[in-house]
Amino acid sequence: MIKTLNIFDFDGTLFNTPDLNIGIKLWEKQNSKSWPYDNWYETPESLDISLNPTPNYDVINDFDKSLKNKFIKTIILTGRLKKLKNSIIHILEEYNLKPHELYLSNDGFTLPYKHNKIIELINDNPTVTEINMWEDRDFFADYYEKLGAKIGIPIFVKRIKKDNNLISSYRYVDNVYKPKSAGVIILKKINNVYNILLLKLHGDKFDLTKGRIENNESTFDTAVRECGEEANINEFNFEFGTKPIKIGNLVMYLAITNQDPIVRKNPVTNKLEHEYAIYKPIDFAEKNIKPYLRPAIEWVKTKVKT
């Protein structure tokens, strides 16, 4: 029996995404051409993973706790248009976030849409006695609390404050391309053919060993640390050199090992982020890797014979 609805906003709440002015500048810099559309938030490009949508880990922790409670239905409710559903799911999959329900707007008029959807959710879940919401806009938060008083079901809103450091980094476009994550593309020869180490996500795609730069680490130190943390790989041969490939804010090195992987829990969250680790042919990796990582696999193919 569902007693509580926990409803999470997306932009500015679960994830910090670049706004209209900053986002267009980022896209233009990345693609070396002028923005071709009349709007920003209605385009898949505004949610491209290469623009580095940044997770709000405090909210994500709340989200994870919510999912574990059998009396709570965990929902993401966003004003983004329905046509962007796959882009939203792609970002959620990056962090293994799987809501019970995901709703996107028909027309982009966010507040009326969310008002109607809340009423619909209450009607569809008649045993609900309270609603919790996570929201970054004070005006919306005020509105939801008044709506709860009006309909007789309390709506408690957790108001999410903007990350001023993040806003600053988005404001200065050059800073956005400073490396924020790093990893190693790990190769191992099997039957005299190079295979790539892949980490199986909780879906149909595979990932590479990589993670966030911490405590002013170098990208190289981060890359090596992440290999140990995610796959228990700590013996490398950088036969192809140590010059990495850069994909947006991500830096990836290329190395060879003779070790076999062991999937390990994230040392911060104590959760398994991957189902298993496996060596696969480079062509398989290119077809099954997360799409934004394909340039890294193409780069590998220029370094080795496949």
C-alpha atoms as a PDB file:
ATOM      1  CA  MET A   1       0.000   0.000   0.000  1.00  0.00           C
ATOM      2  CA  ILE A   2       1.453   3.339  -1.113  1.00  0.00           C
ATOM      3  CA  LYS A   3       1.156   5.966   1.617  1.00  0.00           C
ATOM      4  CA  THR A   4       3.523   8.635   0.322  1.00  0.00           C
ATOM      5  CA  LEU A   5       4.416  10.150  -3.014  1.00  0.00           C
ATOM      6  CA  ASN A   6       7.983  11.464  -3.268  1.00  0.00           C
ATOM      7  CA  ILE A   7       8.173  13.726  -6.300  1.00  0.00           C
ATOM      8  CA  PHE A   8      11.527  14.974  -7.605  1.00  0.00           C
ATOM      9  CA  ASP A   9      12.078  17.807 -10.060  1.00  0.00           C
ATOM     10  CA  PHE A  10      14.863  17.261 -12.619  1.00  0.00           C
ATOM     11  CA  ASP A  11      16.620  20.482 -13.733  1.00  0.00           C
ATOM     12  CA  GLY A  12      18.170  22.351 -10.818  1.00  0.00           C
ATOM     13  CA  THR A  13      17.123  19.647  -8.370  1.00  0.00           C
ATOM     14  CA  LEU A  14      18.353  16.146  -9.216  1.00  0.00           C
ATOM     15  CA  PHE A  15      20.774  17.607 -11.765  1.00  0.00           C
ATOM     16  CA  ASN A  16      22.232  21.021 -12.447  1.00  0.00           C
ATOM     17  CA  THR A  17      22.043  21.647 -16.183  1.00  0.00           C
ATOM     18  CA  PRO A  18      23.319  24.707 -18.101  1.00  0.00           C
ATOM     19  CA  ASP A  19      20.699  27.391 -18.727  1.00  0.00           C
ATOM     20  CA  LEU A  20      19.791  29.025 -22.045  1.00  0.00           C
ATOM     21  CA  ASN A  21      22.596  31.572 -22.279  1.00  0.00           C
ATOM     22  CA  ILE A  22      25.401  29.422 -20.924  1.00  0.00           C
ATOM     23  CA  GLY A  23      24.202  26.259 -22.658  1.00  0.00           C
ATOM     24  CA  ILE A  24      24.202  27.806 -26.112  1.00  0.00           C
ATOM     25  CA  LYS A  25      27.705  29.206 -25.576  1.00  0.00           C
ATOM     26  CA  LEU A  26      28.905  25.788 -24.446  1.00  0.00           C
ATOM     27  CA  TRP A  27      27.354  24.074 -27.450  1.00  0.00           C
ATOM     28  CA  GLU A  28      28.765  26.620 -29.887  1.00  0.00           C
ATOM     29  CA  LYS A  29      32.235  26.293 -28.416  1.00  0.00           C
ATOM     30  CA  GLN A  30      32.071  22.514 -28.515  1.00  0.00           C
ATOM     31  CA  ASN A  31      30.746  22.332 -32.085  1.00  0.00           C
ATOM     32  CA  SER A  32      32.515  25.378 -33.607  1.00  0.00           C
ATOM     33  CA  LYS A  33      29.330  26.730 -35.180  1.00  0.00           C
ATOM     34  CA  SER A  34      26.326  28.902 -34.344  1.00  0.00           C
ATOM     35  CA  TRP A  35      23.334  27.527 -32.448  1.00  0.00           C
ATOM     36  CA  PRO A  36      20.846  26.469 -35.198  1.00  0.00           C
ATOM     37  CA  TYR A  37      17.555  26.511 -33.243  1.00  0.00           C
ATOM     38  CA  ASP A  38      15.126  29.091 -31.863  1.00  0.00           C
ATOM     39  CA  ASN A  39      14.957  27.557 -28.373  1.00  0.00           C
ATOM     40  CA  TRP A  40      17.145  25.687 -25.877  1.00  0.00           C
ATOM     41  CA  TYR A  41      15.137  23.681 -23.359  1.00  0.00           C
ATOM     42  CA  GLU A  42      13.081  21.917 -26.033  1.00  0.00           C
ATOM     43  CA  THR A  43      16.129  20.383 -27.749  1.00  0.00           C
ATOM     44  CA  PRO A  44      17.960  17.112 -27.039  1.00  0.00           C
ATOM     45  CA  GLU A  45      21.208  19.091 -27.265  1.00  0.00           C
ATOM     46  CA  SER A  46      20.331  20.895 -24.017  1.00  0.00           C
ATOM     47  CA  LEU A  47      20.552  17.538 -22.229  1.00  0.00           C
ATOM     48  CA  ASP A  48      23.615  16.208 -24.005  1.00  0.00           C
ATOM     49  CA  ILE A  49      25.878  14.354 -21.603  1.00  0.00           C
ATOM     50  CA  SER A  50      28.921  16.168 -23.032  1.00  0.00           C
ATOM     51  CA  LEU A  51      27.627  19.413 -21.475  1.00  0.00           C
ATOM     52  CA  ASN A  52      28.226  17.779 -18.127  1.00  0.00           C
ATOM     53  CA  PRO A  53      24.874  17.817 -16.292  1.00  0.00           C
ATOM     54  CA  THR A  54      26.055  17.736 -12.693  1.00  0.00           C
ATOM     55  CA  PRO A  55      24.295  15.572 -10.090  1.00  0.00           C
ATOM     56  CA  ASN A  56      23.097  17.031  -6.795  1.00  0.00           C
ATOM     57  CA  TYR A  57      24.293  14.194  -4.588  1.00  0.00           C
ATOM     58  CA  ASP A  58      22.268  15.273  -1.538  1.00  0.00           C
ATOM     59  CA  VAL A  59      19.081  14.978  -3.572  1.00  0.00           C
ATOM     60  CA  ILE A  60      20.235  11.734  -5.185  1.00  0.00           C
ATOM     61  CA  ASN A  61      20.807  10.262  -1.720  1.00  0.00           C
ATOM     62  CA  ASP A  62      17.230  11.220  -0.818  1.00  0.00           C
ATOM     63  CA  PHE A  63      16.095   9.626  -4.070  1.00  0.00           C
ATOM     64  CA  ASP A  64      17.897   6.347  -3.302  1.00  0.00           C
ATOM     65  CA  LYS A  65      16.445   6.208   0.218  1.00  0.00           C
ATOM     66  CA  SER A  66      12.991   6.832  -1.178  1.00  0.00           C
ATOM     67  CA  LEU A  67      13.252   3.881  -3.561  1.00  0.00           C
ATOM     68  CA  LYS A  68      14.018   1.517  -0.673  1.00  0.00           C
ATOM     69  CA  ASN A  69      10.764   2.256   1.156  1.00  0.00           C
ATOM     70  CA  LYS A  70       7.960  -0.040  -0.021  1.00  0.00           C
ATOM     71  CA  PHE A  71       5.307   2.412   1.163  1.00  0.00           C
ATOM     72  CA  ILE A  72       6.658   5.222  -1.036  1.00  0.00           C
ATOM     73  CA  LYS A  73       6.238   5.745  -4.752  1.00  0.00           C
ATOM     74  CA  THR A  74       9.265   7.605  -6.132  1.00  0.00           C
ATOM     75  CA  ILE A  75       8.500   9.862  -9.082  1.00  0.00           C
ATOM     76  CA  ILE A  76      10.410  12.258 -11.322  1.00  0.00           C
ATOM     77  CA  LEU A  77       8.167  15.039 -12.579  1.00  0.00           C
ATOM     78  CA  THR A  78       9.743  17.509 -14.992  1.00  0.00           C
ATOM     79  CA  GLY A  79       8.524  20.317 -17.226  1.00  0.00           C
ATOM     80  CA  ARG A  80      10.766  19.064 -20.021  1.00  0.00           C
ATOM     81  CA  LEU A  81       8.880  17.944 -23.137  1.00  0.00           C
ATOM     82  CA  LYS A  82       7.955  14.305 -23.701  1.00  0.00           C
ATOM     83  CA  LYS A  83      10.092  14.154 -26.832  1.00  0.00           C
ATOM     84  CA  LEU A  84      13.156  14.500 -24.570  1.00  0.00           C
ATOM     85  CA  LYS A  85      12.347  11.392 -22.543  1.00  0.00           C
ATOM     86  CA  ASN A  86      15.250   9.363 -23.942  1.00  0.00           C
ATOM     87  CA  SER A  87      17.694  12.183 -23.164  1.00  0.00           C
ATOM     88  CA  ILE A  88      16.454  12.325 -19.566  1.00  0.00           C
ATOM     89  CA  ILE A  89      16.700   8.545 -19.233  1.00  0.00           C
ATOM     90  CA  HIS A  90      20.250   8.612 -20.611  1.00  0.00           C
ATOM     91  CA  ILE A  91      21.354  11.003 -17.851  1.00  0.00           C
ATOM     92  CA  LEU A  92      19.518   9.000 -15.184  1.00  0.00           C
ATOM     93  CA  GLU A  93      21.172   5.796 -16.370  1.00  0.00           C
ATOM     94  CA  GLU A  94      24.577   7.432 -15.956  1.00  0.00           C
ATOM     95  CA  TYR A  95      23.893   7.413 -12.205  1.00  0.00           C
ATOM     96  CA  ASN A  96      21.749   4.265 -12.042  1.00  0.00           C
ATOM     97  CA  LEU A  97      18.627   6.234 -11.125  1.00  0.00           C
ATOM     98  CA  LYS A  98      15.395   4.356 -11.854  1.00  0.00           C
ATOM     99  CA  PRO A  99      12.241   6.083 -10.629  1.00  0.00           C
ATOM    100  CA  HIS A 100       9.032   4.137 -10.252  1.00  0.00           C
ATOM    101  CA  GLU A 101       7.456   6.637 -12.620  1.00  0.00           C
ATOM    102  CA  LEU A 102       8.812   9.372 -14.920  1.00  0.00           C
ATOM    103  CA  TYR A 103       6.573  12.122 -16.287  1.00  0.00           C
ATOM    104  CA  LEU A 104       7.353  14.817 -18.857  1.00  0.00           C
ATOM    105  CA  SER A 105       5.213  17.702 -20.051  1.00  0.00           C
ATOM    106  CA  ASN A 106       3.061  17.808 -23.168  1.00  0.00           C
ATOM    107  CA  ASP A 107       3.477  21.522 -23.844  1.00  0.00           C
ATOM    108  CA  GLY A 108       6.276  22.978 -21.687  1.00  0.00           C
ATOM    109  CA  PHE A 109       3.954  24.989 -19.412  1.00  0.00           C
ATOM    110  CA  THR A 110       5.518  23.572 -16.279  1.00  0.00           C
ATOM    111  CA  LEU A 111       3.414  24.771 -13.352  1.00  0.00           C
ATOM    112  CA  PRO A 112      -0.053  24.024 -14.804  1.00  0.00           C
ATOM    113  CA  TYR A 113       1.241  20.659 -16.011  1.00  0.00           C
ATOM    114  CA  LYS A 114       2.639  19.706 -12.598  1.00  0.00           C
ATOM    115  CA  HIS A 115      -0.534  20.909 -10.845  1.00  0.00           C
ATOM    116  CA  ASN A 116      -2.681  18.645 -13.007  1.00  0.00           C
ATOM    117  CA  LYS A 117      -0.289  15.719 -12.713  1.00  0.00           C
ATOM    118  CA  ILE A 118      -0.254  15.944  -8.901  1.00  0.00           C
ATOM    119  CA  ILE A 119      -4.057  15.812  -8.849  1.00  0.00           C
ATOM    120  CA  GLU A 120      -3.967  12.863 -11.243  1.00  0.00           C
ATOM    121  CA  LEU A 121      -1.413  11.032  -9.089  1.00  0.00           C
ATOM    122  CA  ILE A 122      -3.562  11.514  -5.999  1.00  0.00           C
ATOM    123  CA  ASN A 123      -6.577  10.112  -7.818  1.00  0.00           C
ATOM    124  CA  ASP A 124      -4.528   7.141  -9.052  1.00  0.00           C
ATOM    125  CA  ASN A 125      -3.141   6.450  -5.565  1.00  0.00           C
ATOM    126  CA  PRO A 126      -6.110   6.826  -3.183  1.00  0.00           C
ATOM    127  CA  THR A 127      -4.196   5.462  -0.158  1.00  0.00           C
ATOM    128  CA  VAL A 128      -1.702   8.345  -0.224  1.00  0.00           C
ATOM    129  CA  THR A 129      -1.764  10.527   2.887  1.00  0.00           C
ATOM    130  CA  GLU A 130       1.144  12.875   2.151  1.00  0.00           C
ATOM    131  CA  ILE A 131       3.372  14.149  -0.643  1.00  0.00           C
ATOM    132  CA  ASN A 132       7.024  15.168  -0.435  1.00  0.00           C
ATOM    133  CA  MET A 133       8.519  17.253  -3.216  1.00  0.00           C
ATOM    134  CA  TRP A 134      12.052  18.357  -4.099  1.00  0.00           C
ATOM    135  CA  GLU A 135      12.086  21.696  -5.944  1.00  0.00           C
ATOM    136  CA  ASP A 136      14.646  24.423  -6.691  1.00  0.00           C
ATOM    137  CA  ARG A 137      12.227  27.295  -7.432  1.00  0.00           C
ATOM    138  CA  ASP A 138      10.743  29.059  -4.423  1.00  0.00           C
ATOM    139  CA  PHE A 139       7.672  30.240  -6.331  1.00  0.00           C
ATOM    140  CA  PHE A 140       6.837  26.664  -7.333  1.00  0.00           C
ATOM    141  CA  ALA A 141       7.513  25.431  -3.781  1.00  0.00           C
ATOM    142  CA  ASP A 142       5.108  28.012  -2.349  1.00  0.00           C
ATOM    143  CA  TYR A 143       2.489  27.000  -4.902  1.00  0.00           C
ATOM    144  CA  TYR A 144       2.755  23.288  -4.068  1.00  0.00           C
ATOM    145  CA  GLU A 145       2.408  23.909  -0.329  1.00  0.00           C
ATOM    146  CA  LYS A 146      -0.743  25.978  -0.935  1.00  0.00           C
ATOM    147  CA  LEU A 147      -2.081  23.287  -3.267  1.00  0.00           C
ATOM    148  CA  GLY A 148      -1.638  20.696  -0.526  1.00  0.00           C
ATOM    149  CA  ALA A 149      -3.604  22.834   1.934  1.00  0.00           C
ATOM    150  CA  LYS A 150      -6.333  23.277  -0.647  1.00  0.00           C
ATOM    151  CA  ILE A 151      -6.778  19.595  -1.501  1.00  0.00           C
ATOM    152  CA  GLY A 152      -6.423  18.350   2.075  1.00  0.00           C
ATOM    153  CA  ILE A 153      -3.262  16.287   1.538  1.00  0.00           C
ATOM    154  CA  PRO A 154      -0.142  17.928   2.962  1.00  0.00           C
ATOM    155  CA  ILE A 155       2.627  18.683   0.482  1.00  0.00           C
ATOM    156  CA  PHE A 156       6.031  19.144   2.118  1.00  0.00           C
ATOM    157  CA  VAL A 157       8.628  20.775  -0.118  1.00  0.00           C
ATOM    158  CA  LYS A 158      12.378  20.436   0.279  1.00  0.00           C
ATOM    159  CA  ARG A 159      13.757  23.606  -1.298  1.00  0.00           C
ATOM    160  CA  ILE A 160      16.984  22.970  -3.189  1.00  0.00           C
ATOM    161  CA  LYS A 161      19.511  25.780  -3.131  1.00  0.00           C
ATOM    162  CA  LYS A 162      21.603  26.454  -6.198  1.00  0.00           C
ATOM    163  CA  ASP A 163      25.284  25.565  -6.128  1.00  0.00           C
ATOM    164  CA  ASN A 164      26.998  28.936  -6.478  1.00  0.00           C
ATOM    165  CA  ASN A 165      30.322  27.320  -7.324  1.00  0.00           C
ATOM    166  CA  LEU A 166      28.659  25.390 -10.119  1.00  0.00           C
ATOM    167  CA  ILE A 167      26.854  28.474 -11.413  1.00  0.00           C
ATOM    168  CA  SER A 168      30.168  30.313 -11.473  1.00  0.00           C
ATOM    169  CA  SER A 169      31.835  27.540 -13.432  1.00  0.00           C
ATOM    170  CA  TYR A 170      29.026  27.563 -15.982  1.00  0.00           C
ATOM    171  CA  ARG A 171      29.189  31.371 -16.219  1.00  0.00           C
ATOM    172  CA  TYR A 172      32.805  31.258 -17.309  1.00  0.00           C
ATOM    173  CA  VAL A 173      32.530  28.964 -20.273  1.00  0.00           C
ATOM    174  CA  ASP A 174      36.248  28.203 -20.515  1.00  0.00           C
ATOM    175  CA  ASN A 175      36.206  26.717 -17.019  1.00  0.00           C
ATOM    176  CA  VAL A 176      33.534  24.198 -17.994  1.00  0.00           C
ATOM    177  CA  TYR A 177      36.043  22.389 -20.171  1.00  0.00           C
ATOM    178  CA  LYS A 178      38.505  21.889 -17.346  1.00  0.00           C
ATOM    179  CA  PRO A 179      38.696  18.132 -16.696  1.00  0.00           C
ATOM    180  CA  LYS A 180      36.196  16.908 -14.098  1.00  0.00           C
ATOM    181  CA  SER A 181      36.457  13.157 -14.656  1.00  0.00           C
ATOM    182  CA  ALA A 182      39.163  10.753 -15.775  1.00  0.00           C
ATOM    183  CA  GLY A 183      39.670   7.083 -16.452  1.00  0.00           C
ATOM    184  CA  VAL A 184      41.673   4.433 -18.268  1.00  0.00           C
ATOM    185  CA  ILE A 185      40.643   2.407 -21.297  1.00  0.00           C
ATOM    186  CA  ILE A 186      42.136  -0.938 -20.294  1.00  0.00           C
ATOM    187  CA  LEU A 187      43.271  -3.436 -22.925  1.00  0.00           C
ATOM    188  CA  LYS A 188      44.222  -7.071 -22.531  1.00  0.00           C
ATOM    189  CA  LYS A 189      45.436  -9.447 -25.214  1.00  0.00           C
ATOM    190  CA  ILE A 190      43.257 -12.540 -25.539  1.00  0.00           C
ATOM    191  CA  ASN A 191      44.263 -15.029 -28.244  1.00  0.00           C
ATOM    192  CA  ASN A 192      46.733 -12.394 -29.438  1.00  0.00           C
ATOM    193  CA  VAL A 193      43.938  -9.827 -30.022  1.00  0.00           C
ATOM    194  CA  TYR A 194      43.352  -6.740 -27.901  1.00  0.00           C
ATOM    195  CA  ASN A 195      40.096  -6.706 -25.943  1.00  0.00           C
ATOM    196  CA  ILE A 196      38.689  -3.776 -23.946  1.00  0.00           C
ATOM    197  CA  LEU A 197      37.611  -3.979 -20.327  1.00  0.00           C
ATOM    198  CA  LEU A 198      33.920  -3.067 -20.106  1.00  0.00           C
ATOM    199  CA  LEU A 199      31.743  -2.549 -17.046  1.00  0.00           C
ATOM    200  CA  LYS A 200      28.144  -3.723 -17.443  1.00  0.00           C
ATOM    201  CA  LEU A 201      25.609  -1.117 -16.390  1.00  0.00           C
ATOM    202  CA  HIS A 202      22.191  -1.932 -14.929  1.00  0.00           C
ATOM    203  CA  GLY A 203      20.644  -1.736 -18.389  1.00  0.00           C
ATOM    204  CA  ASP A 204      21.758  -2.708 -21.883  1.00  0.00           C
ATOM    205  CA  LYS A 205      24.909  -0.566 -22.140  1.00  0.00           C
ATOM    206  CA  PHE A 206      28.510  -0.850 -21.017  1.00  0.00           C
ATOM    207  CA  ASP A 207      30.844   1.667 -19.375  1.00  0.00           C
ATOM    208  CA  LEU A 208      34.585   2.248 -18.992  1.00  0.00           C
ATOM    209  CA  THR A 209      36.567   2.589 -15.754  1.00  0.00           C
ATOM    210  CA  LYS A 210      36.390   6.293 -14.894  1.00  0.00           C
ATOM    211  CA  GLY A 211      35.228   8.696 -12.207  1.00  0.00           C
ATOM    212  CA  ARG A 212      35.292  12.162 -10.685  1.00  0.00           C
ATOM    213  CA  ILE A 213      38.490  14.033  -9.915  1.00  0.00           C
ATOM    214  CA  GLU A 214      38.813  14.411  -6.139  1.00  0.00           C
ATOM    215  CA  ASN A 215      40.866  16.649  -3.834  1.00  0.00           C
ATOM    216  CA  ASN A 216      42.839  18.408  -6.585  1.00  0.00           C
ATOM    217  CA  GLU A 217      44.127  15.133  -8.026  1.00  0.00           C
ATOM    218  CA  SER A 218      45.801  15.070 -11.413  1.00  0.00           C
ATOM    219  CA  THR A 219      43.752  13.450 -14.152  1.00  0.00           C
ATOM    220  CA  PHE A 220      46.299  10.636 -14.293  1.00  0.00           C
ATOM    221  CA  ASP A 221      46.039   9.932 -10.554  1.00  0.00           C
ATOM    222  CA  THR A 222      42.242   9.947 -10.783  1.00  0.00           C
ATOM    223  CA  ALA A 223      42.281   7.545 -13.729  1.00  0.00           C
ATOM    224  CA  VAL A 224      44.532   5.061 -11.943  1.00  0.00           C
ATOM    225  CA  ARG A 225      42.566   5.310  -8.682  1.00  0.00           C
ATOM    226  CA  GLU A 226      39.250   4.684 -10.449  1.00  0.00           C
ATOM    227  CA  CYS A 227      40.594   1.538 -12.110  1.00  0.00           C
ATOM    228  CA  GLY A 228      41.454   0.159  -8.710  1.00  0.00           C
ATOM    229  CA  GLU A 229      38.172   1.186  -7.130  1.00  0.00           C
ATOM    230  CA  GLU A 230      35.888   0.006  -9.941  1.00  0.00           C
ATOM    231  CA  ALA A 231      37.671  -3.066 -11.297  1.00  0.00           C
ATOM    232  CA  ASN A 232      40.543  -3.885  -8.929  1.00  0.00           C
ATOM    233  CA  ILE A 233      43.042  -3.269 -11.752  1.00  0.00           C
ATOM    234  CA  ASN A 234      46.297  -1.709 -10.567  1.00  0.00           C
ATOM    235  CA  GLU A 235      49.021  -3.017 -12.884  1.00  0.00           C
ATOM    236  CA  PHE A 236      49.383  -1.049 -16.131  1.00  0.00           C
ATOM    237  CA  ASN A 237      51.657  -0.715 -19.126  1.00  0.00           C
ATOM    238  CA  PHE A 238      51.225   2.595 -20.941  1.00  0.00           C
ATOM    239  CA  GLU A 239      52.736   1.218 -24.130  1.00  0.00           C
ATOM    240  CA  PHE A 240      50.897   3.779 -26.263  1.00  0.00           C
ATOM    241  CA  GLY A 241      52.073   6.745 -24.187  1.00  0.00           C
ATOM    242  CA  THR A 242      50.293   8.817 -21.592  1.00  0.00           C
ATOM    243  CA  LYS A 243      48.687  11.428 -23.830  1.00  0.00           C
ATOM    244  CA  PRO A 244      44.921  11.063 -23.244  1.00  0.00           C
ATOM    245  CA  ILE A 245      41.839  11.706 -25.316  1.00  0.00           C
ATOM    246  CA  LYS A 246      39.451  14.429 -24.080  1.00  0.00           C
ATOM    247  CA  ILE A 247      35.671  14.148 -24.423  1.00  0.00           C
ATOM    248  CA  GLY A 248      34.108  17.292 -22.973  1.00  0.00           C
ATOM    249  CA  ASN A 249      35.168  17.300 -19.311  1.00  0.00           C
ATOM    250  CA  LEU A 250      36.308  13.673 -19.434  1.00  0.00           C
ATOM    251  CA  VAL A 251      39.954  12.619 -19.884  1.00  0.00           C
ATOM    252  CA  MET A 252      40.697   9.000 -20.851  1.00  0.00           C
ATOM    253  CA  TYR A 253      44.108   7.291 -20.928  1.00  0.00           C
ATOM    254  CA  LEU A 254      44.979   4.037 -22.699  1.00  0.00           C
ATOM    255  CA  ALA A 255      46.838   1.182 -20.991  1.00  0.00           C
ATOM    256  CA  ILE A 256      47.501  -2.552 -21.194  1.00  0.00           C
ATOM    257  CA  THR A 257      47.194  -5.035 -18.333  1.00  0.00           C
ATOM    258  CA  ASN A 258      47.380  -8.766 -17.731  1.00  0.00           C
ATOM    259  CA  GLN A 259      45.031  -8.620 -14.738  1.00  0.00           C
ATOM    260  CA  ASP A 260      41.456  -9.869 -14.632  1.00  0.00           C
ATOM    261  CA  PRO A 261      38.845  -7.498 -13.179  1.00  0.00           C
ATOM    262  CA  ILE A 262      36.833  -7.746  -9.988  1.00  0.00           C
ATOM    263  CA  VAL A 263      33.815  -5.446  -9.695  1.00  0.00           C
ATOM    264  CA  ARG A 264      33.906  -3.490  -6.448  1.00  0.00           C
ATOM    265  CA  LYS A 265      31.400  -1.333  -4.589  1.00  0.00           C
ATOM    266  CA  ASN A 266      31.627   2.435  -4.784  1.00  0.00           C
ATOM    267  CA  PRO A 267      33.668   3.397  -1.697  1.00  0.00           C
ATOM    268  CA  VAL A 268      31.438   6.428  -1.049  1.00  0.00           C
ATOM    269  CA  THR A 269      27.954   4.983  -1.608  1.00  0.00           C
ATOM    270  CA  ASN A 270      28.855   1.339  -0.803  1.00  0.00           C
ATOM    271  CA  LYS A 271      26.756   0.352  -3.834  1.00  0.00           C
ATOM    272  CA  LEU A 272      27.589  -1.807  -6.838  1.00  0.00           C
ATOM    273  CA  GLU A 273      27.397   0.523  -9.818  1.00  0.00           C
ATOM    274  CA  HIS A 274      28.024  -2.262 -12.353  1.00  0.00           C
ATOM    275  CA  GLU A 275      26.699  -5.798 -12.746  1.00  0.00           C
ATOM    276  CA  TYR A 276      30.026  -7.278 -13.852  1.00  0.00           C
ATOM    277  CA  ALA A 277      33.291  -6.529 -15.674  1.00  0.00           C
ATOM    278  CA  ILE A 278      34.396  -8.330 -18.817  1.00  0.00           C
ATOM    279  CA  TYR A 279      36.914  -8.097 -21.646  1.00  0.00           C
ATOM    280  CA  LYS A 280      35.254  -7.763 -25.048  1.00  0.00           C
ATOM    281  CA  PRO A 281      36.475  -7.181 -28.620  1.00  0.00           C
ATOM    282  CA  ILE A 282      36.911  -3.555 -29.629  1.00  0.00           C
ATOM    283  CA  ASP A 283      34.139  -3.748 -32.252  1.00  0.00           C
ATOM    284  CA  PHE A 284      31.728  -5.035 -29.590  1.00  0.00           C
ATOM    285  CA  ALA A 285      32.723  -2.145 -27.337  1.00  0.00           C
ATOM    286  CA  GLU A 286      32.080   0.381 -30.078  1.00  0.00           C
ATOM    287  CA  LYS A 287      28.546  -0.918 -30.629  1.00  0.00           C
ATOM    288  CA  ASN A 288      27.561  -1.373 -26.980  1.00  0.00           C
ATOM    289  CA  ILE A 289      29.320   1.419 -25.088  1.00  0.00           C
ATOM    290  CA  LYS A 290      27.397   4.448 -23.869  1.00  0.00           C
ATOM    291  CA  PRO A 291      27.069   6.656 -26.981  1.00  0.00           C
ATOM    292  CA  TYR A 292      29.071   9.621 -25.692  1.00  0.00           C
ATOM    293  CA  LEU A 293      32.080   7.297 -25.103  1.00  0.00           C
ATOM    294  CA  ARG A 294      32.261   6.042 -28.698  1.00  0.00           C
ATOM    295  CA  PRO A 295      34.905   8.638 -29.679  1.00  0.00           C
ATOM    296  CA  ALA A 296      37.169   7.007 -27.094  1.00  0.00           C
ATOM    297  CA  ILE A 297      36.730   3.589 -28.718  1.00  0.00           C
ATOM    298  CA  GLU A 298      37.342   5.070 -32.163  1.00  0.00           C
ATOM    299  CA  TRP A 299      40.541   6.602 -30.760  1.00  0.00           C
ATOM    300  CA  VAL A 300      41.642   3.188 -29.471  1.00  0.00           C
ATOM    301  CA  LYS A 301      41.155   1.728 -32.944  1.00  0.00           C
ATOM    302  CA  THR A 302      43.673   4.209 -34.319  1.00  0.00           C
ATOM    303  CA  LYS A 303      46.212   3.000 -31.738  1.00  0.00           C
ATOM    304  CA  VAL A 304      45.922  -0.776 -32.105  1.00  0.00           C
ATOM    305  CA  LYS A 305      45.170  -3.295 -34.784  1.00  0.00           C
ATOM    306  CA  THR A 306      41.653  -4.694 -34.380  1.00  0.00           C
END
